[in-house]
Amino acid sequence: MKKNIHNFFLFFEKWFAYFFLSILYLTYSYKISGLKKPYPKYIYVFWHRNILPLLLNRKNEKVVVLVSQSKDGDYIAEPCKLFGFLTARGSSTRHGASALKELIKLSKNHSIAITPDGPKGPKGVIKEGVLQLSYLTKIPICAVKVKVSSAWIFNSWDNFIFPKPFAKIEILYSAQMSISSKEDYLLYKNKIEEFMGD
């Protein structure tokens, strides 16, 4: 019974989110700096709080997003699929090894998008998994900073950002960061955190 209820709400939520956000997206104004189309293959790294404005800006590009292997994660994964993303399920705290293997496999043909402070924090702190993924796949990291002119800020662990209608959204991509050895982890962890800020 619980599974049926979960599936019902999931079906309703994903389609409601898709249509609602698609309409809202039409009111947003985006300014992109640091990267031009066609976008190269990267491991894109950004804070969990900035999922929404980036999701809408990069829809239908077949980027792989890492989503928590949980029921809450289902409510993120399913709308992502409707917006043209691929998903790998897992996190640093749950099914991490299997998620890493799946990301390595998918990275052969797709860019990867990861929130390194997700799924539950601590906010603004990079976990080692994204650095390990870059080292193993030899795909450079591109950090992403987001600024929103007007937004609702949720009282959640990450202070999730929901841009208000007609918001101006600025997305800034960093120069690529190539990790050639495990000794580089701390250096690039600090560089990424410094670029993305709070």
N, C-alpha and C. Protein backbone atom coordinates (compact mmCIF):
# COMPACT_ATOMS: atom_id res chain seq x y z
N MET A 1 0.83 -1.21 0.00
CA MET A 1 0.00 0.00 0.00
C MET A 1 0.86 1.26 0.00
N LYS A 2 1.91 1.28 0.88
CA LYS A 2 2.78 2.46 0.95
C LYS A 2 3.48 2.70 -0.38
N LYS A 3 3.89 1.61 -1.06
CA LYS A 3 4.55 1.74 -2.35
C LYS A 3 3.61 2.32 -3.39
N ASN A 4 2.35 1.89 -3.38
CA ASN A 4 1.36 2.40 -4.32
C ASN A 4 1.11 3.89 -4.10
N ILE A 5 1.03 4.29 -2.84
CA ILE A 5 0.82 5.70 -2.52
C ILE A 5 2.02 6.53 -2.97
N HIS A 6 3.22 5.99 -2.70
CA HIS A 6 4.45 6.68 -3.13
C HIS A 6 4.47 6.85 -4.65
N ASN A 7 4.12 5.80 -5.38
CA ASN A 7 4.12 5.86 -6.84
C ASN A 7 3.09 6.85 -7.36
N PHE A 8 1.93 6.93 -6.70
CA PHE A 8 0.89 7.87 -7.10
C PHE A 8 1.37 9.31 -6.95
N PHE A 9 1.90 9.62 -5.77
CA PHE A 9 2.39 10.98 -5.54
C PHE A 9 3.59 11.30 -6.44
N LEU A 10 4.41 10.31 -6.71
CA LEU A 10 5.57 10.52 -7.57
C LEU A 10 5.12 10.86 -8.99
N PHE A 11 4.13 10.14 -9.49
CA PHE A 11 3.61 10.40 -10.83
C PHE A 11 3.03 11.80 -10.92
N PHE A 12 2.24 12.18 -9.93
CA PHE A 12 1.63 13.51 -9.91
C PHE A 12 2.69 14.59 -9.79
N GLU A 13 3.64 14.37 -8.87
CA GLU A 13 4.67 15.39 -8.60
C GLU A 13 5.55 15.66 -9.82
N LYS A 14 5.97 14.59 -10.52
CA LYS A 14 6.90 14.80 -11.62
C LYS A 14 6.26 15.58 -12.77
N TRP A 15 5.00 15.30 -13.07
CA TRP A 15 4.35 16.01 -14.16
C TRP A 15 3.96 17.42 -13.76
N PHE A 16 3.53 17.59 -12.51
CA PHE A 16 3.23 18.95 -12.03
C PHE A 16 4.49 19.80 -12.06
N ALA A 17 5.59 19.24 -11.55
CA ALA A 17 6.86 19.98 -11.52
C ALA A 17 7.31 20.32 -12.94
N TYR A 18 7.17 19.39 -13.85
CA TYR A 18 7.61 19.61 -15.23
C TYR A 18 6.85 20.77 -15.87
N PHE A 19 5.53 20.74 -15.80
CA PHE A 19 4.74 21.79 -16.45
C PHE A 19 4.87 23.13 -15.74
N PHE A 20 4.87 23.10 -14.41
CA PHE A 20 4.98 24.35 -13.64
C PHE A 20 6.32 25.02 -13.88
N LEU A 21 7.40 24.25 -13.80
CA LEU A 21 8.73 24.82 -13.98
C LEU A 21 8.99 25.23 -15.43
N SER A 22 8.40 24.51 -16.38
CA SER A 22 8.56 24.87 -17.78
C SER A 22 7.94 26.24 -18.06
N ILE A 23 6.80 26.51 -17.44
CA ILE A 23 6.16 27.82 -17.60
C ILE A 23 6.98 28.89 -16.89
N LEU A 24 7.43 28.59 -15.69
CA LEU A 24 8.21 29.55 -14.91
C LEU A 24 9.51 29.90 -15.63
N TYR A 25 10.10 28.91 -16.27
CA TYR A 25 11.37 29.11 -16.99
C TYR A 25 11.25 30.20 -18.05
N LEU A 26 10.09 30.30 -18.67
CA LEU A 26 9.88 31.28 -19.73
C LEU A 26 9.99 32.72 -19.22
N THR A 27 9.85 32.90 -17.91
CA THR A 27 9.92 34.25 -17.34
C THR A 27 11.33 34.63 -16.92
N TYR A 28 12.24 33.66 -16.87
CA TYR A 28 13.59 33.92 -16.37
C TYR A 28 14.48 34.52 -17.46
N SER A 29 15.44 35.30 -17.02
CA SER A 29 16.45 35.87 -17.91
C SER A 29 17.82 35.35 -17.46
N TYR A 30 18.50 34.64 -18.35
CA TYR A 30 19.79 34.02 -18.01
C TYR A 30 20.96 34.79 -18.63
N LYS A 31 22.03 34.91 -17.87
CA LYS A 31 23.30 35.43 -18.37
C LYS A 31 24.37 34.39 -18.07
N ILE A 32 25.04 33.91 -19.11
CA ILE A 32 26.02 32.83 -18.97
C ILE A 32 27.42 33.39 -19.22
N SER A 33 28.36 33.09 -18.32
CA SER A 33 29.74 33.56 -18.47
C SER A 33 30.71 32.40 -18.28
N GLY A 34 31.81 32.42 -19.04
CA GLY A 34 32.89 31.46 -18.84
C GLY A 34 32.82 30.20 -19.67
N LEU A 35 31.69 29.98 -20.39
CA LEU A 35 31.56 28.76 -21.17
C LEU A 35 30.60 29.03 -22.33
N LYS A 36 30.97 28.54 -23.50
CA LYS A 36 30.13 28.74 -24.68
C LYS A 36 29.74 27.41 -25.30
N LYS A 37 28.58 27.40 -25.93
CA LYS A 37 28.12 26.20 -26.63
C LYS A 37 28.93 26.01 -27.91
N PRO A 38 29.14 24.76 -28.37
CA PRO A 38 28.71 23.53 -27.70
C PRO A 38 29.56 23.24 -26.47
N TYR A 39 28.91 22.92 -25.36
CA TYR A 39 29.61 22.72 -24.11
C TYR A 39 30.48 21.46 -24.16
N PRO A 40 31.73 21.56 -23.73
CA PRO A 40 32.60 20.37 -23.70
C PRO A 40 32.18 19.41 -22.59
N LYS A 41 32.76 18.21 -22.62
CA LYS A 41 32.43 17.22 -21.59
C LYS A 41 33.18 17.56 -20.31
N TYR A 42 32.44 17.78 -19.24
CA TYR A 42 33.00 18.14 -17.95
C TYR A 42 32.29 17.37 -16.85
N ILE A 43 32.89 17.41 -15.67
CA ILE A 43 32.18 17.09 -14.44
C ILE A 43 31.80 18.43 -13.83
N TYR A 44 30.53 18.77 -13.93
CA TYR A 44 30.05 20.05 -13.42
C TYR A 44 29.77 19.93 -11.93
N VAL A 45 30.28 20.87 -11.16
CA VAL A 45 30.16 20.84 -9.71
C VAL A 45 29.49 22.14 -9.24
N PHE A 46 28.44 22.00 -8.44
CA PHE A 46 27.71 23.17 -7.94
C PHE A 46 27.03 22.81 -6.63
N TRP A 47 26.71 23.82 -5.84
CA TRP A 47 26.07 23.57 -4.54
C TRP A 47 24.65 23.06 -4.72
N HIS A 48 24.23 22.23 -3.79
CA HIS A 48 22.91 21.61 -3.80
C HIS A 48 21.80 22.66 -3.89
N ARG A 49 22.01 23.80 -3.28
CA ARG A 49 20.97 24.85 -3.25
C ARG A 49 20.67 25.43 -4.62
N ASN A 50 21.58 25.22 -5.59
CA ASN A 50 21.43 25.82 -6.91
C ASN A 50 20.92 24.85 -7.97
N ILE A 51 20.37 23.74 -7.56
CA ILE A 51 19.90 22.73 -8.50
C ILE A 51 18.88 23.31 -9.49
N LEU A 52 17.90 24.02 -9.00
CA LEU A 52 16.77 24.42 -9.84
C LEU A 52 17.15 25.34 -11.00
N PRO A 53 17.83 26.47 -10.76
CA PRO A 53 18.17 27.33 -11.91
C PRO A 53 19.08 26.65 -12.92
N LEU A 54 19.95 25.74 -12.49
CA LEU A 54 20.83 25.03 -13.42
C LEU A 54 20.08 23.94 -14.17
N LEU A 55 19.16 23.27 -13.50
CA LEU A 55 18.34 22.26 -14.14
C LEU A 55 17.60 22.83 -15.34
N LEU A 56 17.00 23.98 -15.16
CA LEU A 56 16.20 24.57 -16.23
C LEU A 56 17.08 25.10 -17.36
N ASN A 57 18.25 25.62 -17.03
CA ASN A 57 19.13 26.18 -18.05
C ASN A 57 19.77 25.11 -18.93
N ARG A 58 20.02 23.93 -18.39
CA ARG A 58 20.74 22.89 -19.14
C ARG A 58 19.85 21.70 -19.52
N LYS A 59 18.55 21.94 -19.62
CA LYS A 59 17.63 20.85 -19.94
C LYS A 59 17.87 20.31 -21.35
N ASN A 60 17.51 19.04 -21.51
CA ASN A 60 17.58 18.33 -22.80
C ASN A 60 19.01 18.21 -23.35
N GLU A 61 20.00 18.18 -22.48
CA GLU A 61 21.38 18.03 -22.92
C GLU A 61 21.98 16.67 -22.56
N LYS A 62 21.17 15.78 -21.98
CA LYS A 62 21.61 14.43 -21.63
C LYS A 62 22.78 14.43 -20.65
N VAL A 63 22.85 15.45 -19.81
CA VAL A 63 23.84 15.46 -18.74
C VAL A 63 23.40 14.46 -17.67
N VAL A 64 24.35 13.76 -17.09
CA VAL A 64 24.04 12.78 -16.04
C VAL A 64 24.06 13.47 -14.69
N VAL A 65 22.99 13.35 -13.93
CA VAL A 65 22.94 13.93 -12.59
C VAL A 65 22.95 12.82 -11.54
N LEU A 66 23.70 13.04 -10.48
CA LEU A 66 23.76 12.10 -9.38
C LEU A 66 22.67 12.46 -8.38
N VAL A 67 21.79 11.50 -8.11
CA VAL A 67 20.65 11.73 -7.23
C VAL A 67 20.64 10.68 -6.13
N SER A 68 20.33 11.10 -4.93
CA SER A 68 20.31 10.21 -3.78
C SER A 68 19.41 9.00 -4.00
N GLN A 69 19.88 7.83 -3.54
CA GLN A 69 19.13 6.59 -3.64
C GLN A 69 18.16 6.50 -2.45
N SER A 70 17.11 7.29 -2.53
CA SER A 70 16.12 7.35 -1.45
C SER A 70 14.78 7.73 -2.05
N LYS A 71 13.72 7.63 -1.25
CA LYS A 71 12.41 8.04 -1.74
C LYS A 71 12.37 9.54 -2.02
N ASP A 72 13.04 10.32 -1.18
CA ASP A 72 13.12 11.75 -1.44
C ASP A 72 13.84 12.02 -2.76
N GLY A 73 14.88 11.21 -3.03
CA GLY A 73 15.61 11.35 -4.28
C GLY A 73 14.75 11.07 -5.50
N ASP A 74 13.75 10.20 -5.34
CA ASP A 74 12.84 9.91 -6.45
C ASP A 74 12.15 11.18 -6.94
N TYR A 75 11.82 12.08 -6.01
CA TYR A 75 11.09 13.29 -6.36
C TYR A 75 11.97 14.31 -7.09
N ILE A 76 13.27 14.07 -7.10
CA ILE A 76 14.20 14.88 -7.89
C ILE A 76 14.52 14.16 -9.20
N ALA A 77 14.74 12.85 -9.11
CA ALA A 77 15.17 12.08 -10.28
C ALA A 77 14.11 12.06 -11.39
N GLU A 78 12.86 11.88 -11.03
CA GLU A 78 11.82 11.74 -12.06
C GLU A 78 11.60 13.04 -12.86
N PRO A 79 11.48 14.21 -12.22
CA PRO A 79 11.40 15.44 -13.03
C PRO A 79 12.65 15.67 -13.86
N CYS A 80 13.84 15.30 -13.32
CA CYS A 80 15.08 15.45 -14.09
C CYS A 80 15.00 14.68 -15.40
N LYS A 81 14.45 13.49 -15.36
CA LYS A 81 14.32 12.67 -16.57
C LYS A 81 13.41 13.36 -17.59
N LEU A 82 12.32 13.96 -17.12
CA LEU A 82 11.41 14.65 -18.03
C LEU A 82 12.08 15.86 -18.68
N PHE A 83 13.04 16.46 -17.97
CA PHE A 83 13.77 17.60 -18.51
C PHE A 83 14.97 17.18 -19.35
N GLY A 84 15.09 15.90 -19.64
CA GLY A 84 16.10 15.43 -20.57
C GLY A 84 17.44 15.10 -19.96
N PHE A 85 17.48 14.86 -18.65
CA PHE A 85 18.71 14.45 -17.99
C PHE A 85 18.74 12.94 -17.83
N LEU A 86 19.93 12.39 -17.68
CA LEU A 86 20.10 11.01 -17.28
C LEU A 86 20.41 10.99 -15.78
N THR A 87 20.10 9.91 -15.10
CA THR A 87 20.33 9.87 -13.66
C THR A 87 21.15 8.65 -13.25
N ALA A 88 22.00 8.88 -12.26
CA ALA A 88 22.71 7.80 -11.56
C ALA A 88 22.31 7.93 -10.10
N ARG A 89 21.94 6.83 -9.48
CA ARG A 89 21.40 6.89 -8.13
C ARG A 89 22.44 6.46 -7.11
N GLY A 90 22.56 7.25 -6.04
CA GLY A 90 23.49 6.96 -4.97
C GLY A 90 24.06 8.23 -4.42
N SER A 91 24.89 8.11 -3.39
CA SER A 91 25.51 9.28 -2.75
C SER A 91 26.73 8.81 -1.98
N SER A 92 27.37 9.77 -1.33
CA SER A 92 28.54 9.42 -0.53
C SER A 92 28.16 8.63 0.71
N THR A 93 26.88 8.67 1.08
CA THR A 93 26.44 7.99 2.30
C THR A 93 25.60 6.75 2.02
N ARG A 94 25.17 6.56 0.77
CA ARG A 94 24.30 5.44 0.46
C ARG A 94 24.57 4.95 -0.96
N HIS A 95 24.95 3.70 -1.10
CA HIS A 95 25.24 3.10 -2.41
C HIS A 95 26.30 3.89 -3.15
N GLY A 96 27.27 4.41 -2.43
CA GLY A 96 28.29 5.26 -3.03
C GLY A 96 29.15 4.54 -4.05
N ALA A 97 29.56 3.30 -3.75
CA ALA A 97 30.44 2.55 -4.65
C ALA A 97 29.75 2.24 -5.96
N SER A 98 28.48 1.80 -5.90
CA SER A 98 27.75 1.47 -7.12
C SER A 98 27.47 2.71 -7.95
N ALA A 99 27.22 3.83 -7.28
CA ALA A 99 26.99 5.09 -7.98
C ALA A 99 28.24 5.53 -8.71
N LEU A 100 29.41 5.37 -8.07
CA LEU A 100 30.67 5.75 -8.70
C LEU A 100 30.91 4.92 -9.95
N LYS A 101 30.65 3.62 -9.88
CA LYS A 101 30.82 2.76 -11.05
C LYS A 101 29.89 3.18 -12.18
N GLU A 102 28.66 3.52 -11.85
CA GLU A 102 27.69 3.94 -12.86
C GLU A 102 28.10 5.26 -13.50
N LEU A 103 28.62 6.19 -12.69
CA LEU A 103 29.07 7.48 -13.21
C LEU A 103 30.26 7.30 -14.14
N ILE A 104 31.18 6.43 -13.77
CA ILE A 104 32.35 6.17 -14.62
C ILE A 104 31.91 5.62 -15.98
N LYS A 105 30.94 4.72 -15.94
CA LYS A 105 30.41 4.13 -17.17
C LYS A 105 29.74 5.20 -18.05
N LEU A 106 28.89 6.00 -17.45
CA LEU A 106 28.14 7.00 -18.21
C LEU A 106 29.02 8.15 -18.68
N SER A 107 30.11 8.39 -17.98
CA SER A 107 30.99 9.51 -18.33
C SER A 107 31.70 9.30 -19.66
N LYS A 108 31.68 8.09 -20.19
CA LYS A 108 32.32 7.84 -21.48
C LYS A 108 31.66 8.63 -22.60
N ASN A 109 30.36 8.92 -22.43
CA ASN A 109 29.61 9.60 -23.48
C ASN A 109 28.88 10.86 -23.02
N HIS A 110 28.92 11.14 -21.71
CA HIS A 110 28.12 12.25 -21.19
C HIS A 110 28.88 13.06 -20.15
N SER A 111 28.50 14.33 -20.05
CA SER A 111 28.96 15.14 -18.93
C SER A 111 28.24 14.69 -17.66
N ILE A 112 28.84 15.00 -16.52
CA ILE A 112 28.28 14.62 -15.22
C ILE A 112 28.01 15.89 -14.42
N ALA A 113 26.91 15.89 -13.67
CA ALA A 113 26.59 17.02 -12.78
C ALA A 113 26.44 16.50 -11.36
N ILE A 114 27.19 17.11 -10.43
CA ILE A 114 27.21 16.63 -9.05
C ILE A 114 27.12 17.81 -8.08
N THR A 115 26.33 17.63 -7.03
CA THR A 115 26.31 18.58 -5.92
C THR A 115 27.16 17.98 -4.81
N PRO A 116 28.39 18.43 -4.65
CA PRO A 116 29.33 17.76 -3.74
C PRO A 116 29.05 17.96 -2.26
N ASP A 117 28.08 18.83 -1.93
CA ASP A 117 27.68 18.97 -0.53
C ASP A 117 26.37 18.24 -0.25
N GLY A 118 25.81 17.59 -1.27
CA GLY A 118 24.58 16.83 -1.09
C GLY A 118 24.87 15.39 -0.66
N PRO A 119 23.82 14.61 -0.30
CA PRO A 119 22.43 15.04 -0.31
C PRO A 119 21.97 15.76 0.97
N LYS A 120 22.77 15.73 2.02
CA LYS A 120 22.30 16.32 3.28
C LYS A 120 23.36 17.17 3.98
N GLY A 121 24.37 17.62 3.25
CA GLY A 121 25.34 18.51 3.84
C GLY A 121 26.58 17.79 4.36
N PRO A 122 27.44 18.54 5.02
CA PRO A 122 27.24 19.94 5.42
C PRO A 122 27.27 20.91 4.24
N LYS A 123 26.52 21.98 4.37
CA LYS A 123 26.38 22.97 3.32
C LYS A 123 27.73 23.59 2.96
N GLY A 124 27.99 23.68 1.64
CA GLY A 124 29.17 24.38 1.16
C GLY A 124 30.48 23.67 1.42
N VAL A 125 30.43 22.36 1.63
CA VAL A 125 31.65 21.58 1.87
C VAL A 125 31.72 20.46 0.84
N ILE A 126 32.84 20.37 0.14
CA ILE A 126 33.00 19.37 -0.92
C ILE A 126 33.44 18.03 -0.33
N LYS A 127 32.72 16.98 -0.71
CA LYS A 127 33.12 15.63 -0.35
C LYS A 127 34.10 15.11 -1.41
N GLU A 128 34.90 14.15 -1.04
CA GLU A 128 36.00 13.69 -1.87
C GLU A 128 35.56 12.97 -3.13
N GLY A 129 34.33 12.45 -3.15
CA GLY A 129 33.87 11.62 -4.26
C GLY A 129 34.00 12.27 -5.63
N VAL A 130 33.67 13.54 -5.73
CA VAL A 130 33.72 14.22 -7.03
C VAL A 130 35.16 14.37 -7.51
N LEU A 131 36.09 14.56 -6.58
CA LEU A 131 37.50 14.66 -6.93
C LEU A 131 38.03 13.31 -7.39
N GLN A 132 37.59 12.25 -6.72
CA GLN A 132 37.98 10.90 -7.11
C GLN A 132 37.45 10.56 -8.49
N LEU A 133 36.22 10.97 -8.78
CA LEU A 133 35.62 10.70 -10.08
C LEU A 133 36.42 11.38 -11.20
N SER A 134 36.81 12.62 -10.98
CA SER A 134 37.60 13.34 -11.97
C SER A 134 38.95 12.67 -12.19
N TYR A 135 39.57 12.24 -11.11
CA TYR A 135 40.88 11.58 -11.19
C TYR A 135 40.78 10.26 -11.96
N LEU A 136 39.75 9.46 -11.68
CA LEU A 136 39.61 8.15 -12.30
C LEU A 136 39.21 8.24 -13.77
N THR A 137 38.37 9.21 -14.12
CA THR A 137 37.88 9.32 -15.50
C THR A 137 38.75 10.21 -16.37
N LYS A 138 39.62 11.01 -15.74
CA LYS A 138 40.44 11.99 -16.45
C LYS A 138 39.59 13.06 -17.14
N ILE A 139 38.40 13.29 -16.61
CA ILE A 139 37.53 14.35 -17.11
C ILE A 139 37.68 15.56 -16.19
N PRO A 140 37.97 16.73 -16.74
CA PRO A 140 38.17 17.91 -15.88
C PRO A 140 36.90 18.36 -15.18
N ILE A 141 37.08 18.98 -14.06
CA ILE A 141 35.98 19.57 -13.29
C ILE A 141 35.75 21.00 -13.76
N CYS A 142 34.49 21.38 -13.84
CA CYS A 142 34.12 22.76 -14.09
C CYS A 142 33.18 23.19 -12.96
N ALA A 143 33.63 24.10 -12.13
CA ALA A 143 32.81 24.58 -11.02
C ALA A 143 31.80 25.61 -11.53
N VAL A 144 30.64 25.64 -10.91
CA VAL A 144 29.57 26.52 -11.38
C VAL A 144 29.06 27.39 -10.23
N LYS A 145 29.06 28.68 -10.46
CA LYS A 145 28.56 29.65 -9.47
C LYS A 145 27.25 30.25 -10.00
N VAL A 146 26.29 30.40 -9.12
CA VAL A 146 24.97 30.91 -9.52
C VAL A 146 24.59 32.12 -8.68
N LYS A 147 24.09 33.15 -9.37
CA LYS A 147 23.56 34.34 -8.69
C LYS A 147 22.14 34.58 -9.19
N VAL A 148 21.22 34.81 -8.26
CA VAL A 148 19.82 35.02 -8.62
C VAL A 148 19.36 36.35 -8.04
N SER A 149 18.74 37.18 -8.87
CA SER A 149 18.36 38.53 -8.44
C SER A 149 17.23 38.52 -7.42
N SER A 150 16.34 37.55 -7.55
CA SER A 150 15.17 37.49 -6.67
C SER A 150 14.74 36.04 -6.50
N ALA A 151 14.69 35.58 -5.24
CA ALA A 151 14.40 34.17 -5.02
C ALA A 151 13.79 33.95 -3.65
N TRP A 152 13.03 32.86 -3.55
CA TRP A 152 12.61 32.37 -2.24
C TRP A 152 13.72 31.47 -1.71
N ILE A 153 14.11 31.67 -0.47
CA ILE A 153 15.16 30.87 0.16
C ILE A 153 14.51 29.96 1.19
N PHE A 154 14.62 28.66 0.99
CA PHE A 154 13.97 27.70 1.87
C PHE A 154 14.74 27.58 3.19
N ASN A 155 14.03 27.25 4.23
CA ASN A 155 14.63 27.01 5.54
C ASN A 155 15.04 25.54 5.64
N SER A 156 15.93 25.14 4.75
CA SER A 156 16.42 23.76 4.69
C SER A 156 17.91 23.75 5.00
N TRP A 157 18.51 22.57 5.08
CA TRP A 157 19.93 22.48 5.44
C TRP A 157 20.81 23.24 4.45
N ASP A 158 20.38 23.32 3.17
CA ASP A 158 21.20 23.97 2.15
C ASP A 158 20.73 25.38 1.79
N ASN A 159 19.62 25.83 2.42
CA ASN A 159 19.01 27.11 2.03
C ASN A 159 18.70 27.11 0.53
N PHE A 160 17.92 26.13 0.13
CA PHE A 160 17.56 25.90 -1.28
C PHE A 160 16.99 27.16 -1.92
N ILE A 161 17.46 27.43 -3.15
CA ILE A 161 17.06 28.64 -3.87
C ILE A 161 15.98 28.31 -4.90
N PHE A 162 14.87 29.06 -4.84
CA PHE A 162 13.80 28.92 -5.84
C PHE A 162 13.60 30.31 -6.46
N PRO A 163 14.12 30.53 -7.68
CA PRO A 163 14.00 31.85 -8.30
C PRO A 163 12.54 32.27 -8.47
N LYS A 164 12.26 33.52 -8.14
CA LYS A 164 10.92 34.06 -8.31
C LYS A 164 10.66 34.36 -9.79
N PRO A 165 9.40 34.45 -10.20
CA PRO A 165 9.11 34.79 -11.60
C PRO A 165 9.82 36.06 -12.02
N PHE A 166 10.34 36.05 -13.25
CA PHE A 166 11.04 37.17 -13.87
C PHE A 166 12.39 37.47 -13.21
N ALA A 167 12.93 36.52 -12.48
CA ALA A 167 14.25 36.70 -11.88
C ALA A 167 15.33 36.71 -12.96
N LYS A 168 16.41 37.45 -12.68
CA LYS A 168 17.59 37.44 -13.52
C LYS A 168 18.60 36.47 -12.90
N ILE A 169 19.04 35.51 -13.69
CA ILE A 169 19.91 34.45 -13.19
C ILE A 169 21.25 34.51 -13.92
N GLU A 170 22.32 34.64 -13.15
CA GLU A 170 23.66 34.66 -13.72
C GLU A 170 24.38 33.36 -13.37
N ILE A 171 24.91 32.70 -14.40
CA ILE A 171 25.64 31.45 -14.21
C ILE A 171 27.07 31.67 -14.69
N LEU A 172 28.01 31.41 -13.80
CA LEU A 172 29.43 31.61 -14.10
C LEU A 172 30.15 30.28 -14.01
N TYR A 173 30.80 29.87 -15.11
CA TYR A 173 31.56 28.63 -15.16
C TYR A 173 33.04 28.92 -14.96
N SER A 174 33.70 28.09 -14.18
CA SER A 174 35.13 28.26 -13.93
C SER A 174 35.96 27.73 -15.09
N ALA A 175 37.24 28.04 -15.07
CA ALA A 175 38.17 27.37 -15.97
C ALA A 175 38.25 25.89 -15.57
N GLN A 176 38.61 25.03 -16.50
CA GLN A 176 38.66 23.60 -16.19
C GLN A 176 39.76 23.30 -15.18
N MET A 177 39.49 22.30 -14.35
CA MET A 177 40.43 21.87 -13.33
C MET A 177 40.70 20.38 -13.53
N SER A 178 41.89 20.05 -13.96
CA SER A 178 42.25 18.66 -14.25
C SER A 178 43.04 18.07 -13.08
N ILE A 179 42.54 16.99 -12.54
CA ILE A 179 43.17 16.35 -11.39
C ILE A 179 44.02 15.18 -11.87
N SER A 180 45.31 15.31 -11.77
CA SER A 180 46.23 14.29 -12.29
C SER A 180 46.77 13.35 -11.23
N SER A 181 46.58 13.69 -9.95
CA SER A 181 47.05 12.81 -8.88
C SER A 181 46.20 13.01 -7.63
N LYS A 182 46.20 12.02 -6.76
CA LYS A 182 45.43 12.12 -5.52
C LYS A 182 45.96 13.21 -4.62
N GLU A 183 47.23 13.55 -4.80
CA GLU A 183 47.82 14.63 -4.00
C GLU A 183 47.21 15.98 -4.33
N ASP A 184 46.50 16.07 -5.47
CA ASP A 184 45.87 17.33 -5.88
C ASP A 184 44.51 17.55 -5.23
N TYR A 185 43.98 16.54 -4.54
CA TYR A 185 42.61 16.62 -4.03
C TYR A 185 42.39 17.87 -3.17
N LEU A 186 43.24 18.08 -2.18
CA LEU A 186 43.05 19.20 -1.26
C LEU A 186 43.17 20.54 -1.99
N LEU A 187 44.12 20.63 -2.91
CA LEU A 187 44.32 21.86 -3.67
C LEU A 187 43.06 22.24 -4.44
N TYR A 188 42.50 21.27 -5.16
CA TYR A 188 41.32 21.56 -5.97
C TYR A 188 40.06 21.68 -5.14
N LYS A 189 39.99 20.97 -4.05
CA LYS A 189 38.86 21.14 -3.13
C LYS A 189 38.78 22.59 -2.68
N ASN A 190 39.91 23.17 -2.30
CA ASN A 190 39.94 24.56 -1.87
C ASN A 190 39.63 25.52 -3.01
N LYS A 191 40.14 25.21 -4.21
CA LYS A 191 39.89 26.07 -5.36
C LYS A 191 38.42 26.10 -5.73
N ILE A 192 37.78 24.94 -5.71
CA ILE A 192 36.36 24.85 -6.07
C ILE A 192 35.50 25.58 -5.03
N GLU A 193 35.77 25.33 -3.76
CA GLU A 193 34.99 25.99 -2.70
C GLU A 193 35.17 27.51 -2.78
N GLU A 194 36.37 27.96 -3.08
CA GLU A 194 36.63 29.39 -3.17
C GLU A 194 35.88 30.00 -4.35
N PHE A 195 35.86 29.30 -5.49
CA PHE A 195 35.18 29.81 -6.68
C PHE A 195 33.67 29.90 -6.47
N MET A 196 33.09 28.86 -5.92
CA MET A 196 31.62 28.82 -5.78
C MET A 196 31.13 29.67 -4.62
N GLY A 197 32.00 29.94 -3.66
CA GLY A 197 31.59 30.76 -2.53
C GLY A 197 30.54 30.06 -1.71
N ASP A 198 29.78 30.85 -0.95
CA ASP A 198 28.75 30.30 -0.06
C ASP A 198 27.46 30.08 -0.84
